[in-house]
Every structure is written in structure tokens, then in C-alpha cells.
Amino acid sequence: MTDQSFDHAKAEAFGDQLIGMLNQGSLALMTSIGHRTGLFDSMAGLAPSTSQQIADAAGLNERYVREWLGAMLTGGFVEYSADSKMYWLPAEHAALLTRDAAPDNIAAFAQYIPLLGSVEDGIVDAFKNGGGVPYSGFPRFQEVMAEDSGQTVVPALLSDILPLGDGLVERLQAGIDVLDVGCGSGRALNIMAAEFPNSRFTGSDISEEGLEAGRSAAASAGLSNLKFEVGDATDLGYSEQFDLITTFDAVHDQAAPDKVLASIGRALRSDGLYLMQDIKASSEVQNNVDHPVGPFLYTISTTLHDCFTGSWR
């Protein structure tokens, strides 16, 4: 490549993009911390306050809160008065950063960035040797996934998702057999089991940690029409036993989605219904170039795929 063919403006623009990446990546980590510590929630209920007042309201160490506020201010998340040395979270930002803002709370999704970063060594090894990082290698995996589902699937389940099936709500009220594949901690199942006591529900997942959380919630609610079992989504082991099978935000994560769908087909009765909620994206990479969260989705796909049905072949 000659110096004449080297586009210096293009290189400079890409350099600016990389600097922006460092700043945005840092802000993603700080956003996750702000969510987990409750700082966004605390600030949303405060008038302009000093770092000490914010720390006191959140029950946190002031020195750490002060440094976090520096990241939030320089990142454009919070505002600040140099005269009063007070910070505040604009209502327009709180509408996208607090637990009360769900399902629009982006801060909850920011937790994926440090979660995925924590398994980088295992992913690098998988690039060299194949395989992947199992469930057990991800700290807080079920906790973060459950919060994700709690913001997206759960609020819309009864009002918008189940009514998509023609006559499905009425069938659930009368009593049918239901299987949720990749149920995680069972939030959706517990809601359905409580709402439709005449129906019988089974949750299947490969994570015993998630299943135990589902069992505990069902026991606390006194639900007797719900059970959880360890299962491989590619071979559920059922033949025409269910009237309804659901997957919520699960199929796109599978290493072998064709096998999962075939297994679901075998488990459905002849008049059964399969209801899948999933991400709106494409299997063709060129169709995702303009996707608003394309890099985020491909990062999750790269790092999480072995959690579900084994490594890519």
C-alpha cells in the first residue's frame, strides 16, 4: 500500500471510534455498578446532592461513589454544579436507568458486559481449542438472565404474549399440559402456573441452579401444578405429550437450534402449539449491519453459546 492510497482521514476517524469504544466500554461497566449498587435508583429520588449525600442515601462508601460520579458526569449520565458541588440524575435519564423504568431499564442489560468479560480467558482458549465456557464458569449468570426476563418476557406474558395464540388463554384456563424449554429460574412458568391452576406445567433447563430457584419460588407460592427438571433441549425425551411448548428468548442461544426445534416438534401433540419469543435479528450477517444492538448480540453469541447445548461443530 502506497502512502498515496492510505486514507489518513479514514484512519483518524477510526482512531476516534476506538477512543469512543474505550469510553463507552468503561461506561458500560460503571452503568452495571450503578444498577447493582442501587445508585441510579437512589439518585432518581433525590434533589441535587453532594457525593456524601448520595452515598448516604444509597448506603455506600463516599469515596467510591465520588469516583463513580466522575465517570457518570464525564460520560453525560448525570449533571453537576461546580458552585454547589452537587450532582443530579435528569428525569429523562432516570427513565432509562432505574428499576422503576422497566422494561426500558438499559442499566440492567449493562450487567452482561462485566459478566461476559469475566470469562474472557475461557473464550480465548475456545478460540484456540474449540469447546466453550459452561454454565458453572459464569458468575451471576442465572441472576442476570432472570432480571433480563423479568424486564422483557414477564411484564408482557399475560397481556400480550399468550393471547397471540388463537384460543390459547381459554385452553390454559380449561387445563392443558405445558412445557417451557430453557426455563431458567422459572419466572414465566410460576406466573402461568398461578394464573392457570387447571393446567399442568413443566420447566426444562440444563442449569440446576436456575431450576432450584424456580422450585423455591413455586414452593413459596404453594403451586402444585408445576415441576422442574434437568433436560437437554436437543433431546427432550418426550413424544406427543404437550399441548403447548414455549421458549422465551432461548432458541437463538442454542448451538444446534435445528435439533432443539425438532425435539420440540416431537414433544408436541398433533393439535399442540409452539410459542417462541426471540430476538428480532437475522442469520445472515449482512442483514444485521444496521441492527441497533448488533455488536452486543454477536458478543453474547460468541461468549454464551456453550452454556446451552455444547460447542459449535
Protein backbone atom coordinates (compact mmCIF):
# COMPACT_ATOMS: atom_id res chain seq x y z
CA MET A 1 0.00 0.00 0.00
CA THR A 2 1.47 3.36 -1.02
CA ASP A 3 1.23 6.47 1.10
CA GLN A 4 -1.00 7.97 -1.61
CA SER A 5 -3.55 5.15 -1.21
CA PHE A 6 -3.61 5.36 2.59
CA ASP A 7 -6.67 7.33 3.69
CA HIS A 8 -5.42 9.33 6.68
CA ALA A 9 -8.84 10.81 7.34
CA LYS A 10 -10.33 7.32 7.49
CA ALA A 11 -7.61 6.21 9.92
CA GLU A 12 -8.17 9.26 12.10
CA ALA A 13 -11.93 8.67 12.14
CA PHE A 14 -11.38 5.04 13.13
CA GLY A 15 -8.99 6.14 15.87
CA ASP A 16 -11.73 8.39 17.23
CA GLN A 17 -14.08 5.42 17.10
CA LEU A 18 -11.63 3.33 19.13
CA ILE A 19 -11.28 6.04 21.77
CA GLY A 20 -15.06 6.18 21.91
CA MET A 21 -15.10 2.41 22.36
CA LEU A 22 -12.82 2.67 25.40
CA ASN A 23 -15.03 5.33 26.94
CA GLN A 24 -18.28 3.52 26.16
CA GLY A 25 -16.91 0.20 27.42
CA SER A 26 -15.91 1.91 30.65
CA LEU A 27 -19.34 3.47 30.95
CA ALA A 28 -20.97 0.06 30.45
CA LEU A 29 -19.07 -1.25 33.48
CA MET A 30 -19.92 1.84 35.54
CA THR A 31 -23.58 1.54 34.47
CA SER A 32 -23.67 -2.05 35.69
CA ILE A 33 -22.19 -0.95 39.01
CA GLY A 34 -24.70 1.87 39.26
CA HIS A 35 -27.51 -0.61 38.74
CA ARG A 36 -26.23 -3.26 41.15
CA THR A 37 -25.49 -0.78 43.94
CA GLY A 38 -28.83 0.99 43.51
CA LEU A 39 -27.16 4.33 42.82
CA PHE A 40 -29.39 5.17 39.88
CA ASP A 41 -32.48 4.32 41.91
CA SER A 42 -31.27 6.43 44.84
CA MET A 43 -30.38 9.43 42.68
CA ALA A 44 -33.73 9.32 40.90
CA GLY A 45 -35.40 10.11 44.21
CA LEU A 46 -33.00 12.86 45.28
CA ALA A 47 -32.80 16.58 44.71
CA PRO A 48 -29.34 17.82 43.65
CA SER A 49 -26.99 16.34 46.25
CA THR A 50 -23.33 16.11 47.21
CA SER A 51 -21.42 12.88 46.77
CA GLN A 52 -21.70 12.30 50.52
CA GLN A 53 -25.47 12.76 50.48
CA ILE A 54 -25.80 10.37 47.55
CA ALA A 55 -23.58 7.81 49.27
CA ASP A 56 -25.62 8.12 52.46
CA ALA A 57 -28.90 7.67 50.57
CA ALA A 58 -27.56 4.52 48.89
CA GLY A 59 -25.76 3.20 51.97
CA LEU A 60 -22.39 3.20 50.21
CA ASN A 61 -18.80 4.40 50.65
CA GLU A 62 -18.50 8.06 49.66
CA ARG A 63 -15.04 7.81 48.10
CA TYR A 64 -16.18 5.13 45.65
CA VAL A 65 -19.40 6.98 44.92
CA ARG A 66 -17.47 10.17 44.19
CA GLU A 67 -15.27 8.43 41.62
CA TRP A 68 -18.28 6.72 40.05
CA LEU A 69 -19.99 10.12 39.78
CA GLY A 70 -16.92 11.38 37.92
CA ALA A 71 -17.42 8.68 35.30
CA MET A 72 -21.13 9.39 35.13
CA LEU A 73 -20.58 13.14 34.75
CA THR A 74 -17.89 12.91 32.06
CA GLY A 75 -19.99 10.26 30.32
CA GLY A 76 -23.06 12.50 30.21
CA PHE A 77 -25.22 10.43 32.55
CA VAL A 78 -25.53 12.90 35.43
CA GLU A 79 -25.32 16.68 35.74
CA TYR A 80 -23.27 18.78 38.16
CA SER A 81 -22.99 22.25 39.64
CA ALA A 82 -19.39 23.30 40.31
CA ASP A 83 -20.60 26.05 42.65
CA SER A 84 -22.64 23.80 44.96
CA LYS A 85 -20.67 20.60 44.20
CA MET A 86 -23.99 18.82 43.76
CA TYR A 87 -24.95 16.09 41.29
CA TRP A 88 -28.34 15.07 39.95
CA LEU A 89 -29.79 12.48 37.60
CA PRO A 90 -32.08 14.08 34.98
CA ALA A 91 -35.56 12.57 34.86
CA GLU A 92 -35.06 11.85 31.16
CA HIS A 93 -32.06 9.66 32.04
CA ALA A 94 -33.71 8.05 35.05
CA ALA A 95 -36.43 6.88 32.64
CA LEU A 96 -33.84 4.53 31.10
CA LEU A 97 -31.65 3.68 34.09
CA THR A 98 -33.79 2.76 37.09
CA ARG A 99 -35.65 -0.34 38.19
CA ASP A 100 -38.89 1.64 38.09
CA ALA A 101 -38.24 2.22 34.37
CA ALA A 102 -38.50 -1.48 33.44
CA PRO A 103 -38.86 -2.71 30.72
CA ASP A 104 -36.91 0.34 29.47
CA ASN A 105 -34.13 -0.01 32.06
CA ILE A 106 -30.96 -0.35 29.97
CA ALA A 107 -28.79 -0.42 33.10
CA ALA A 108 -29.95 -3.97 33.82
CA PHE A 109 -28.63 -5.12 30.44
CA ALA A 110 -25.29 -3.42 31.08
CA GLN A 111 -24.62 -6.21 33.58
CA TYR A 112 -23.85 -8.51 30.65
CA ILE A 113 -20.65 -6.61 29.86
CA PRO A 114 -18.71 -7.39 33.07
CA LEU A 115 -20.36 -10.83 33.20
CA LEU A 116 -19.07 -11.76 29.75
CA GLY A 117 -15.72 -10.09 30.37
CA SER A 118 -15.18 -12.30 33.41
CA VAL A 119 -14.91 -15.40 31.19
CA GLU A 120 -12.57 -13.89 28.59
CA ASP A 121 -9.75 -16.35 29.37
CA GLY A 122 -12.05 -19.31 28.72
CA ILE A 123 -13.33 -17.80 25.49
CA VAL A 124 -9.80 -17.12 24.24
CA ASP A 125 -8.96 -20.76 24.94
CA ALA A 126 -12.08 -21.84 23.00
CA PHE A 127 -10.93 -19.79 20.01
CA LYS A 128 -7.73 -21.85 20.01
CA ASN A 129 -9.01 -25.27 21.01
CA GLY A 130 -12.78 -25.29 20.48
CA GLY A 131 -15.26 -26.04 23.24
CA GLY A 132 -16.54 -23.19 25.37
CA VAL A 133 -17.34 -21.95 28.85
CA PRO A 134 -20.06 -23.93 30.70
CA TYR A 135 -22.79 -22.51 32.93
CA SER A 136 -20.64 -23.03 36.01
CA GLY A 137 -17.97 -20.71 34.62
CA PHE A 138 -20.27 -17.66 34.54
CA PRO A 139 -20.73 -15.82 37.86
CA ARG A 140 -24.25 -14.47 38.46
CA PHE A 141 -25.45 -15.95 35.15
CA GLN A 142 -28.89 -17.01 36.36
CA GLU A 143 -29.34 -13.82 38.35
CA VAL A 144 -28.69 -11.59 35.34
CA MET A 145 -30.74 -13.74 32.96
CA ALA A 146 -33.67 -13.77 35.40
CA GLU A 147 -33.57 -9.98 35.67
CA ASP A 148 -33.44 -9.73 31.88
CA SER A 149 -36.51 -11.98 31.57
CA GLY A 150 -38.20 -10.10 34.40
CA GLN A 151 -37.98 -6.89 32.37
CA THR A 152 -39.00 -8.28 28.99
CA VAL A 153 -41.00 -11.53 28.98
CA VAL A 154 -42.68 -11.40 32.38
CA PRO A 155 -44.44 -7.99 32.15
CA ALA A 156 -45.94 -8.85 28.75
CA LEU A 157 -46.63 -12.54 29.30
CA LEU A 158 -50.30 -12.49 30.27
CA SER A 159 -51.33 -9.31 28.49
CA ASP A 160 -49.57 -9.65 25.15
CA ILE A 161 -47.65 -12.89 24.59
CA LEU A 162 -50.08 -15.68 25.48
CA PRO A 163 -53.01 -14.02 23.66
CA LEU A 164 -51.01 -14.37 20.42
CA GLY A 165 -52.15 -18.00 20.30
CA ASP A 166 -55.68 -18.25 18.98
CA GLY A 167 -57.83 -19.56 21.85
CA LEU A 168 -54.71 -20.32 23.92
CA VAL A 169 -55.79 -18.45 27.05
CA GLU A 170 -59.10 -20.31 27.05
CA ARG A 171 -57.30 -23.66 26.68
CA LEU A 172 -54.98 -22.80 29.55
CA GLN A 173 -57.96 -21.91 31.70
CA ALA A 174 -59.61 -25.24 30.90
CA GLY A 175 -56.43 -27.23 31.56
CA ILE A 176 -53.62 -28.40 29.25
CA ASP A 177 -50.06 -29.76 29.52
CA VAL A 178 -47.35 -27.13 29.09
CA LEU A 179 -43.57 -27.38 28.72
CA ASP A 180 -41.21 -24.40 28.88
CA VAL A 181 -37.84 -25.26 27.31
CA GLY A 182 -34.87 -23.29 28.63
CA CYS A 183 -36.97 -22.09 31.54
CA GLY A 184 -34.06 -20.71 33.58
CA SER A 185 -35.27 -19.73 37.03
CA GLY A 186 -38.89 -20.25 36.02
CA ARG A 187 -40.32 -16.76 36.38
CA ALA A 188 -42.65 -17.14 33.40
CA LEU A 189 -43.71 -20.64 34.48
CA ASN A 190 -44.53 -19.58 38.02
CA ILE A 191 -46.71 -16.79 36.69
CA MET A 192 -48.55 -19.11 34.30
CA ALA A 193 -49.00 -21.83 36.91
CA ALA A 194 -50.54 -19.34 39.32
CA GLU A 195 -52.78 -17.80 36.66
CA PHE A 196 -53.99 -21.14 35.22
CA PRO A 197 -54.40 -23.64 38.09
CA ASN A 198 -56.18 -26.20 35.89
CA SER A 199 -53.15 -26.58 33.60
CA ARG A 200 -50.02 -28.66 34.31
CA PHE A 201 -46.61 -27.05 33.78
CA THR A 202 -43.10 -28.46 33.35
CA GLY A 203 -39.90 -26.45 33.18
CA SER A 204 -36.81 -27.86 31.47
CA ASP A 205 -33.30 -26.42 31.65
CA ILE A 206 -29.71 -27.65 31.92
CA SER A 207 -28.95 -25.37 34.88
CA GLU A 208 -29.71 -26.95 38.24
CA GLU A 209 -29.10 -23.54 39.84
CA GLY A 210 -31.88 -21.97 37.81
CA LEU A 211 -34.24 -24.90 38.35
CA GLU A 212 -33.74 -24.75 42.10
CA ALA A 213 -34.68 -21.08 42.07
CA GLY A 214 -37.85 -21.99 40.17
CA ARG A 215 -38.71 -24.77 42.60
CA SER A 216 -38.20 -22.45 45.56
CA ALA A 217 -40.49 -19.80 44.06
CA ALA A 218 -43.16 -22.40 43.28
CA ALA A 219 -42.98 -23.79 46.81
CA SER A 220 -43.28 -20.31 48.32
CA ALA A 221 -46.36 -19.66 46.19
CA GLY A 222 -47.87 -23.04 47.09
CA LEU A 223 -48.09 -24.16 43.45
CA SER A 224 -48.75 -27.87 42.99
CA ASN A 225 -49.27 -27.83 39.21
CA LEU A 226 -45.65 -27.06 38.37
CA LYS A 227 -42.44 -29.12 38.25
CA PHE A 228 -38.88 -28.51 37.08
CA GLU A 229 -36.45 -30.98 35.55
CA VAL A 230 -32.96 -31.05 34.10
CA GLY A 231 -33.17 -31.56 30.35
CA ASP A 232 -31.15 -31.30 27.15
CA ALA A 233 -33.06 -29.11 24.72
CA THR A 234 -31.72 -31.08 21.75
CA ASP A 235 -33.26 -34.30 23.09
CA LEU A 236 -36.12 -33.62 25.49
CA GLY A 237 -37.12 -37.28 25.57
CA TYR A 238 -40.84 -36.65 25.06
CA SER A 239 -43.21 -37.88 22.37
CA GLU A 240 -46.53 -36.06 21.81
CA GLN A 241 -47.01 -35.22 25.49
CA PHE A 242 -47.65 -31.48 25.49
CA ASP A 243 -50.40 -29.20 24.24
CA LEU A 244 -48.24 -26.09 24.50
CA ILE A 245 -44.46 -25.70 24.39
CA THR A 246 -42.84 -22.33 24.95
CA THR A 247 -39.33 -20.93 24.58
CA PHE A 248 -38.67 -17.42 25.82
CA ASP A 249 -35.51 -15.78 24.47
CA ALA A 250 -33.78 -19.17 24.33
CA VAL A 251 -33.57 -20.64 20.82
CA HIS A 252 -31.10 -18.09 19.42
CA ASP A 253 -28.58 -19.12 22.11
CA GLN A 254 -28.56 -22.77 21.11
CA ALA A 255 -25.52 -24.28 19.38
CA ALA A 256 -27.88 -26.58 17.41
CA PRO A 257 -31.25 -24.78 17.10
CA ASP A 258 -32.43 -27.17 14.37
CA LYS A 259 -32.12 -30.09 16.78
CA VAL A 260 -33.89 -28.14 19.52
CA LEU A 261 -36.82 -27.33 17.24
CA ALA A 262 -37.01 -30.95 16.06
CA SER A 263 -37.09 -32.13 19.67
CA ILE A 264 -39.87 -29.66 20.44
CA GLY A 265 -41.81 -30.90 17.42
CA ARG A 266 -41.61 -34.48 18.69
CA ALA A 267 -42.81 -33.46 22.14
CA LEU A 268 -45.92 -31.64 20.83
CA ARG A 269 -49.27 -33.36 20.42
CA SER A 270 -50.79 -33.28 16.95
CA ASP A 271 -53.01 -30.31 17.80
CA GLY A 272 -50.37 -28.67 20.01
CA LEU A 273 -48.98 -25.15 19.76
CA TYR A 274 -45.37 -23.99 19.91
CA LEU A 275 -44.94 -20.38 21.08
CA MET A 276 -41.47 -18.86 20.66
CA GLN A 277 -40.40 -15.41 21.80
CA ASP A 278 -36.98 -14.44 20.49
CA ILE A 279 -34.71 -11.65 19.32
CA LYS A 280 -35.55 -9.87 16.08
CA ALA A 281 -32.36 -10.39 14.08
CA SER A 282 -31.13 -12.33 11.05
CA SER A 283 -29.00 -15.42 10.50
CA GLU A 284 -27.37 -13.51 7.63
CA VAL A 285 -24.67 -11.19 8.95
CA GLN A 286 -25.18 -8.53 6.27
CA ASN A 287 -28.75 -8.04 7.45
CA ASN A 288 -27.53 -7.12 10.94
CA VAL A 289 -25.10 -4.38 9.93
CA ASP A 290 -27.60 -1.69 10.89
CA HIS A 291 -29.08 -3.56 13.85
CA PRO A 292 -29.18 -1.16 16.82
CA VAL A 293 -27.52 -3.71 19.14
CA GLY A 294 -25.72 -5.85 16.56
CA PRO A 295 -22.27 -5.88 18.25
CA PHE A 296 -23.90 -6.65 21.60
CA LEU A 297 -25.82 -9.62 20.18
CA TYR A 298 -22.79 -11.09 18.42
CA THR A 299 -20.72 -10.69 21.59
CA ILE A 300 -23.32 -12.63 23.57
CA SER A 301 -23.46 -15.28 20.85
CA THR A 302 -19.68 -15.65 20.86
CA THR A 303 -19.35 -15.99 24.62
CA LEU A 304 -22.52 -17.77 25.73
CA HIS A 305 -23.18 -20.47 23.13
CA ASP A 306 -21.54 -23.36 25.02
CA CYS A 307 -23.73 -22.75 28.06
CA PHE A 308 -26.70 -24.37 26.38
CA THR A 309 -26.03 -27.37 24.17
CA GLY A 310 -22.30 -27.68 23.75
CA SER A 311 -19.71 -26.15 21.49
CA TRP A 312 -20.12 -25.26 17.82
CA ARG A 313 -19.21 -28.02 15.42
